[in-house]
PDB file of N, CA and C in Angstrom:
ATOM      1  N   UNK A   1       8.189 252.814  78.427  1.00  0.00           N
ATOM      2  CA  UNK A   1       9.244 252.038  77.820  1.00  0.00           C
ATOM      3  C   UNK A   1      10.405 252.977  77.498  1.00  0.00           C
ATOM      4  N   UNK A   2      11.541 252.643  78.009  1.00  0.00           N
ATOM      5  CA  UNK A   2      12.732 253.449  77.745  1.00  0.00           C
ATOM      6  C   UNK A   2      13.282 253.129  76.359  1.00  0.00           C
ATOM      7  N   UNK A   3      13.813 254.150  75.713  1.00  0.00           N
ATOM      8  CA  UNK A   3      14.390 253.938  74.388  1.00  0.00           C
ATOM      9  C   UNK A   3      15.680 253.133  74.505  1.00  0.00           C
ATOM     10  N   UNK A   4      15.822 252.171  73.629  1.00  0.00           N
ATOM     11  CA  UNK A   4      17.059 251.418  73.545  1.00  0.00           C
ATOM     12  C   UNK A   4      17.941 252.089  72.507  1.00  0.00           C
ATOM     13  N   UNK A   5      19.204 252.098  72.781  1.00  0.00           N
ATOM     14  CA  UNK A   5      20.097 252.699  71.803  1.00  0.00           C
ATOM     15  C   UNK A   5      20.293 251.737  70.633  1.00  0.00           C
ATOM     16  N   UNK A   6      20.610 252.300  69.498  1.00  0.00           N
ATOM     17  CA  UNK A   6      20.838 251.501  68.294  1.00  0.00           C
ATOM     18  C   UNK A   6      21.994 250.530  68.527  1.00  0.00           C
ATOM     19  N   UNK A   7      22.998 250.960  69.262  1.00  0.00           N
ATOM     20  CA  UNK A   7      24.151 250.085  69.510  1.00  0.00           C
ATOM     21  C   UNK A   7      23.729 248.831  70.271  1.00  0.00           C
ATOM     22  N   UNK A   8      22.846 248.994  71.263  1.00  0.00           N
ATOM     23  CA  UNK A   8      22.382 247.832  72.022  1.00  0.00           C
ATOM     24  C   UNK A   8      21.554 246.902  71.143  1.00  0.00           C
ATOM     25  N   UNK A   9      20.748 247.483  70.265  1.00  0.00           N
ATOM     26  CA  UNK A   9      19.949 246.658  69.373  1.00  0.00           C
ATOM     27  C   UNK A   9      20.819 245.929  68.358  1.00  0.00           C
ATOM     28  N   UNK A  10      21.878 246.564  67.898  1.00  0.00           N
ATOM     29  CA  UNK A  10      22.774 245.931  66.921  1.00  0.00           C
ATOM     30  C   UNK A  10      23.512 244.735  67.515  1.00  0.00           C
ATOM     31  N   UNK A  11      23.694 244.719  68.818  1.00  0.00           N
ATOM     32  CA  UNK A  11      24.389 243.613  69.474  1.00  0.00           C
ATOM     33  C   UNK A  11      23.521 242.355  69.526  1.00  0.00           C
ATOM     34  N   UNK A  12      22.220 242.514  69.395  1.00  0.00           N
ATOM     35  CA  UNK A  12      21.310 241.382  69.488  1.00  0.00           C
ATOM     36  C   UNK A  12      21.333 240.555  68.208  1.00  0.00           C
ATOM     37  N   UNK A  13      20.966 239.298  68.344  1.00  0.00           N
ATOM     38  CA  UNK A  13      20.955 238.404  67.174  1.00  0.00           C
ATOM     39  C   UNK A  13      19.743 238.709  66.292  1.00  0.00           C
ATOM     40  N   UNK A  14      19.816 238.199  65.079  1.00  0.00           N
ATOM     41  CA  UNK A  14      18.726 238.415  64.125  1.00  0.00           C
ATOM     42  C   UNK A  14      17.435 237.786  64.633  1.00  0.00           C
ATOM     43  N   UNK A  15      17.520 236.606  65.234  1.00  0.00           N
ATOM     44  CA  UNK A  15      16.330 235.935  65.760  1.00  0.00           C
ATOM     45  C   UNK A  15      15.696 236.736  66.894  1.00  0.00           C
ATOM     46  N   UNK A  16      16.528 237.285  67.772  1.00  0.00           N
ATOM     47  CA  UNK A  16      16.010 238.114  68.859  1.00  0.00           C
ATOM     48  C   UNK A  16      15.319 239.357  68.313  1.00  0.00           C
ATOM     49  N   UNK A  17      15.910 239.969  67.308  1.00  0.00           N
ATOM     50  CA  UNK A  17      15.297 241.153  66.702  1.00  0.00           C
ATOM     51  C   UNK A  17      13.953 240.800  66.071  1.00  0.00           C
ATOM     52  N   UNK A  18      13.902 239.653  65.403  1.00  0.00           N
ATOM     53  CA  UNK A  18      12.662 239.231  64.755  1.00  0.00           C
ATOM     54  C   UNK A  18      11.565 238.965  65.785  1.00  0.00           C
ATOM     55  N   UNK A  19      11.916 238.296  66.881  1.00  0.00           N
ATOM     56  CA  UNK A  19      10.942 238.017  67.940  1.00  0.00           C
ATOM     57  C   UNK A  19      10.443 239.319  68.568  1.00  0.00           C
ATOM     58  N   UNK A  20      11.344 240.234  68.809  1.00  0.00           N
ATOM     59  CA  UNK A  20      10.983 241.522  69.380  1.00  0.00           C
ATOM     60  C   UNK A  20      10.094 242.310  68.413  1.00  0.00           C
ATOM     61  N   UNK A  21      10.379 242.215  67.124  1.00  0.00           N
ATOM     62  CA  UNK A  21       9.578 242.883  66.105  1.00  0.00           C
ATOM     63  C   UNK A  21       8.146 242.354  66.109  1.00  0.00           C
ATOM     64  N   UNK A  22       7.974 241.047  66.167  1.00  0.00           N
ATOM     65  CA  UNK A  22       6.635 240.458  66.213  1.00  0.00           C
ATOM     66  C   UNK A  22       5.887 240.878  67.471  1.00  0.00           C
ATOM     67  N   UNK A  23       6.594 240.877  68.589  1.00  0.00           N
ATOM     68  CA  UNK A  23       5.981 241.281  69.852  1.00  0.00           C
ATOM     69  C   UNK A  23       5.531 242.741  69.805  1.00  0.00           C
ATOM     70  N   UNK A  24       6.352 243.597  69.231  1.00  0.00           N
ATOM     71  CA  UNK A  24       6.029 245.020  69.139  1.00  0.00           C
ATOM     72  C   UNK A  24       4.857 245.261  68.184  1.00  0.00           C
ATOM     73  N   UNK A  25       4.764 244.481  67.106  1.00  0.00           N
ATOM     74  CA  UNK A  25       3.639 244.609  66.181  1.00  0.00           C
ATOM     75  C   UNK A  25       2.329 244.224  66.870  1.00  0.00           C
ATOM     76  N   UNK A  26       2.368 243.169  67.677  1.00  0.00           N
ATOM     77  CA  UNK A  26       1.179 242.773  68.420  1.00  0.00           C
ATOM     78  C   UNK A  26       0.793 243.844  69.439  1.00  0.00           C
ATOM     79  N   UNK A  27       1.801 244.425  70.073  1.00  0.00           N
ATOM     80  CA  UNK A  27       1.570 245.494  71.037  1.00  0.00           C
ATOM     81  C   UNK A  27       0.923 246.700  70.351  1.00  0.00           C
ATOM     82  N   UNK A  28       1.410 247.055  69.168  1.00  0.00           N
ATOM     83  CA  UNK A  28       0.853 248.176  68.422  1.00  0.00           C
ATOM     84  C   UNK A  28      -0.602 247.900  68.052  1.00  0.00           C
ATOM     85  N   UNK A  29      -0.893 246.704  67.605  1.00  0.00           N
ATOM     86  CA  UNK A  29      -2.257 246.355  67.243  1.00  0.00           C
ATOM     87  C   UNK A  29      -3.183 246.507  68.451  1.00  0.00           C
ATOM     88  N   UNK A  30      -2.731 246.031  69.598  1.00  0.00           N
ATOM     89  CA  UNK A  30      -3.543 246.139  70.811  1.00  0.00           C
ATOM     90  C   UNK A  30      -3.734 247.604  71.202  1.00  0.00           C
ATOM     91  N   UNK A  31      -2.688 248.412  71.076  1.00  0.00           N
ATOM     92  CA  UNK A  31      -2.813 249.834  71.398  1.00  0.00           C
ATOM     93  C   UNK A  31      -3.793 250.529  70.463  1.00  0.00           C
ATOM     94  N   UNK A  32      -3.784 250.154  69.188  1.00  0.00           N
ATOM     95  CA  UNK A  32      -4.724 250.753  68.233  1.00  0.00           C
ATOM     96  C   UNK A  32      -6.165 250.409  68.589  1.00  0.00           C
ATOM     97  N   UNK A  33      -6.411 249.160  68.984  1.00  0.00           N
ATOM     98  CA  UNK A  33      -7.755 248.772  69.401  1.00  0.00           C
ATOM     99  C   UNK A  33      -8.169 249.556  70.648  1.00  0.00           C
ATOM    100  N   UNK A  34      -7.263 249.635  71.610  1.00  0.00           N
ATOM    101  CA  UNK A  34      -7.560 250.356  72.840  1.00  0.00           C
ATOM    102  C   UNK A  34      -7.770 251.844  72.574  1.00  0.00           C
ATOM    103  N   UNK A  35      -7.016 252.405  71.646  1.00  0.00           N
ATOM    104  CA  UNK A  35      -7.170 253.811  71.295  1.00  0.00           C
ATOM    105  C   UNK A  35      -8.545 254.055  70.670  1.00  0.00           C
ATOM    106  N   UNK A  36      -8.984 253.145  69.808  1.00  0.00           N
ATOM    107  CA  UNK A  36     -10.293 253.273  69.176  1.00  0.00           C
ATOM    108  C   UNK A  36     -11.419 253.155  70.202  1.00  0.00           C
ATOM    109  N   UNK A  37     -11.203 252.350  71.214  1.00  0.00           N
ATOM    110  CA  UNK A  37     -12.207 252.178  72.273  1.00  0.00           C
ATOM    111  C   UNK A  37     -12.161 253.293  73.304  1.00  0.00           C
ATOM    112  N   UNK A  38     -11.114 254.108  73.260  1.00  0.00           N
ATOM    113  CA  UNK A  38     -10.982 255.192  74.225  1.00  0.00           C
ATOM    114  C   UNK A  38     -10.304 254.782  75.516  1.00  0.00           C
ATOM    115  N   UNK A  39      -9.644 253.646  75.515  1.00  0.00           N
ATOM    116  CA  UNK A  39      -8.969 253.163  76.725  1.00  0.00           C
ATOM    117  C   UNK A  39      -7.569 253.739  76.884  1.00  0.00           C
ATOM    118  N   UNK A  40      -6.974 254.241  75.802  1.00  0.00           N
ATOM    119  CA  UNK A  40      -5.607 254.758  75.845  1.00  0.00           C
ATOM    120  C   UNK A  40      -5.651 256.280  75.855  1.00  0.00           C
ATOM    121  N   UNK A  41      -4.985 256.865  76.821  1.00  0.00           N
ATOM    122  CA  UNK A  41      -4.910 258.321  76.894  1.00  0.00           C
ATOM    123  C   UNK A  41      -3.655 258.850  76.213  1.00  0.00           C
ATOM    124  N   UNK A  42      -2.645 258.012  76.091  1.00  0.00           N
ATOM    125  CA  UNK A  42      -1.359 258.419  75.559  1.00  0.00           C
ATOM    126  C   UNK A  42      -1.252 258.004  74.090  1.00  0.00           C
ATOM    127  N   UNK A  43      -1.674 258.888  73.207  1.00  0.00           N
ATOM    128  CA  UNK A  43      -1.616 258.559  71.785  1.00  0.00           C
ATOM    129  C   UNK A  43      -0.178 258.585  71.260  1.00  0.00           C
ATOM    130  N   UNK A  44       0.736 259.204  71.998  1.00  0.00           N
ATOM    131  CA  UNK A  44       2.140 259.230  71.594  1.00  0.00           C
ATOM    132  C   UNK A  44       2.759 257.840  71.686  1.00  0.00           C
ATOM    133  N   UNK A  45       2.200 256.966  72.508  1.00  0.00           N
ATOM    134  CA  UNK A  45       2.718 255.604  72.632  1.00  0.00           C
ATOM    135  C   UNK A  45       2.579 254.857  71.315  1.00  0.00           C
ATOM    136  N   UNK A  46       1.525 255.144  70.565  1.00  0.00           N
ATOM    137  CA  UNK A  46       1.328 254.506  69.257  1.00  0.00           C
ATOM    138  C   UNK A  46       2.437 254.951  68.318  1.00  0.00           C
ATOM    139  N   UNK A  47       2.721 256.234  68.302  1.00  0.00           N
ATOM    140  CA  UNK A  47       3.776 256.773  67.436  1.00  0.00           C
ATOM    141  C   UNK A  47       5.135 256.192  67.826  1.00  0.00           C
ATOM    142  N   UNK A  48       5.411 256.107  69.117  1.00  0.00           N
ATOM    143  CA  UNK A  48       6.687 255.549  69.575  1.00  0.00           C
ATOM    144  C   UNK A  48       6.815 254.068  69.210  1.00  0.00           C
ATOM    145  N   UNK A  49       5.717 253.351  69.279  1.00  0.00           N
ATOM    146  CA  UNK A  49       5.735 251.939  68.915  1.00  0.00           C
ATOM    147  C   UNK A  49       6.022 251.777  67.426  1.00  0.00           C
ATOM    148  N   UNK A  50       5.426 252.621  66.602  1.00  0.00           N
ATOM    149  CA  UNK A  50       5.676 252.558  65.158  1.00  0.00           C
ATOM    150  C   UNK A  50       7.139 252.856  64.844  1.00  0.00           C
ATOM    151  N   UNK A  51       7.728 253.791  65.558  1.00  0.00           N
ATOM    152  CA  UNK A  51       9.144 254.103  65.353  1.00  0.00           C
ATOM    153  C   UNK A  51      10.024 252.931  65.765  1.00  0.00           C
ATOM    154  N   UNK A  52       9.668 252.288  66.869  1.00  0.00           N
ATOM    155  CA  UNK A  52      10.449 251.129  67.329  1.00  0.00           C
ATOM    156  C   UNK A  52      10.347 249.987  66.324  1.00  0.00           C
ATOM    157  N   UNK A  53       9.165 249.777  65.768  1.00  0.00           N
ATOM    158  CA  UNK A  53       8.992 248.736  64.754  1.00  0.00           C
ATOM    159  C   UNK A  53       9.876 249.025  63.549  1.00  0.00           C
ATOM    160  N   UNK A  54       9.932 250.274  63.133  1.00  0.00           N
ATOM    161  CA  UNK A  54      10.767 250.648  61.991  1.00  0.00           C
ATOM    162  C   UNK A  54      12.238 250.397  62.291  1.00  0.00           C
ATOM    163  N   UNK A  55      12.682 250.738  63.500  1.00  0.00           N
ATOM    164  CA  UNK A  55      14.077 250.494  63.885  1.00  0.00           C
ATOM    165  C   UNK A  55      14.399 249.011  63.868  1.00  0.00           C
ATOM    166  N   UNK A  56      13.525 248.225  64.489  1.00  0.00           N
ATOM    167  CA  UNK A  56      13.758 246.788  64.564  1.00  0.00           C
ATOM    168  C   UNK A  56      13.750 246.152  63.176  1.00  0.00           C
ATOM    169  N   UNK A  57      12.825 246.568  62.329  1.00  0.00           N
ATOM    170  CA  UNK A  57      12.750 246.013  60.976  1.00  0.00           C
ATOM    171  C   UNK A  57      13.998 246.372  60.177  1.00  0.00           C
ATOM    172  N   UNK A  58      14.468 247.600  60.330  1.00  0.00           N
ATOM    173  CA  UNK A  58      15.669 248.031  59.609  1.00  0.00           C
ATOM    174  C   UNK A  58      16.890 247.229  60.046  1.00  0.00           C
ATOM    175  N   UNK A  59      17.039 247.048  61.347  1.00  0.00           N
ATOM    176  CA  UNK A  59      18.193 246.309  61.855  1.00  0.00           C
ATOM    177  C   UNK A  59      18.114 244.831  61.482  1.00  0.00           C
ATOM    178  N   UNK A  60      16.906 244.268  61.518  1.00  0.00           N
ATOM    179  CA  UNK A  60      16.742 242.858  61.144  1.00  0.00           C
ATOM    180  C   UNK A  60      17.082 242.666  59.673  1.00  0.00           C
ATOM    181  N   UNK A  61      16.650 243.589  58.842  1.00  0.00           N
ATOM    182  CA  UNK A  61      16.958 243.513  57.417  1.00  0.00           C
ATOM    183  C   UNK A  61      18.454 243.724  57.177  1.00  0.00           C
ATOM    184  N   UNK A  62      19.053 244.628  57.938  1.00  0.00           N
ATOM    185  CA  UNK A  62      20.496 244.876  57.830  1.00  0.00           C
ATOM    186  C   UNK A  62      21.277 243.611  58.152  1.00  0.00           C
ATOM    187  N   UNK A  63      20.859 242.918  59.215  1.00  0.00           N
ATOM    188  CA  UNK A  63      21.555 241.685  59.601  1.00  0.00           C
ATOM    189  C   UNK A  63      21.347 240.584  58.574  1.00  0.00           C
ATOM    190  N   UNK A  64      20.155 240.481  58.008  1.00  0.00           N
ATOM    191  CA  UNK A  64      19.920 239.432  57.021  1.00  0.00           C
ATOM    192  C   UNK A  64      20.720 239.711  55.752  1.00  0.00           C
ATOM    193  N   UNK A  65      20.872 240.964  55.375  1.00  0.00           N
ATOM    194  CA  UNK A  65      21.693 241.326  54.223  1.00  0.00           C
ATOM    195  C   UNK A  65      23.150 241.003  54.461  1.00  0.00           C
ATOM    196  N   UNK A  66      23.616 241.219  55.669  1.00  0.00           N
ATOM    197  CA  UNK A  66      24.998 240.910  56.008  1.00  0.00           C
ATOM    198  C   UNK A  66      25.235 239.406  55.940  1.00  0.00           C
ATOM    199  N   UNK A  67      24.242 238.611  56.326  1.00  0.00           N
ATOM    200  CA  UNK A  67      24.393 237.157  56.267  1.00  0.00           C
ATOM    201  C   UNK A  67      24.478 236.684  54.820  1.00  0.00           C
ATOM    202  N   UNK A  68      23.709 237.289  53.939  1.00  0.00           N
ATOM    203  CA  UNK A  68      23.734 236.908  52.527  1.00  0.00           C
ATOM    204  C   UNK A  68      25.105 237.218  51.934  1.00  0.00           C
ATOM    205  N   UNK A  69      25.654 238.377  52.253  1.00  0.00           N
ATOM    206  CA  UNK A  69      26.964 238.771  51.756  1.00  0.00           C
ATOM    207  C   UNK A  69      28.037 237.810  52.269  1.00  0.00           C
ATOM    208  N   UNK A  70      27.938 237.442  53.546  1.00  0.00           N
ATOM    209  CA  UNK A  70      28.929 236.524  54.121  1.00  0.00           C
ATOM    210  C   UNK A  70      28.853 235.173  53.427  1.00  0.00           C
ATOM    211  N   UNK A  71      27.649 234.682  53.122  1.00  0.00           N
ATOM    212  CA  UNK A  71      27.499 233.391  52.445  1.00  0.00           C
ATOM    213  C   UNK A  71      28.081 233.450  51.045  1.00  0.00           C
ATOM    214  N   UNK A  72      27.870 234.558  50.349  1.00  0.00           N
ATOM    215  CA  UNK A  72      28.389 234.703  48.998  1.00  0.00           C
ATOM    216  C   UNK A  72      29.919 234.761  48.991  1.00  0.00           C
ATOM    217  N   UNK A  73      30.497 235.376  49.988  1.00  0.00           N
ATOM    218  CA  UNK A  73      31.960 235.454  50.069  1.00  0.00           C
ATOM    219  C   UNK A  73      32.570 234.093  50.342  1.00  0.00           C
ATOM    220  N   UNK A  74      31.856 233.233  51.076  1.00  0.00           N
ATOM    221  CA  UNK A  74      32.370 231.917  51.411  1.00  0.00           C
ATOM    222  C   UNK A  74      32.273 230.923  50.256  1.00  0.00           C
ATOM    223  N   UNK A  75      31.457 231.218  49.280  1.00  0.00           N
ATOM    224  CA  UNK A  75      31.288 230.291  48.156  1.00  0.00           C
ATOM    225  C   UNK A  75      32.378 230.393  47.162  1.00  0.00           C
TER     226      UNK A  75
END
């Protein structure tokens, strides 16, 4: 999996980020099971997945905070 730049992720909508976050969490869970069973040789993939989850969660939270601020300004 190639790294996506933060700029490309910021262009995506909050819903897309949330869907991608859920998908990545499921992927991480599956990798952990496979790692425990000895099916995964690349343990760095688990670390990279955790980093991607953190990025996606941060950006999703950033976007939701921006929406709250925009709603408050409109009131």
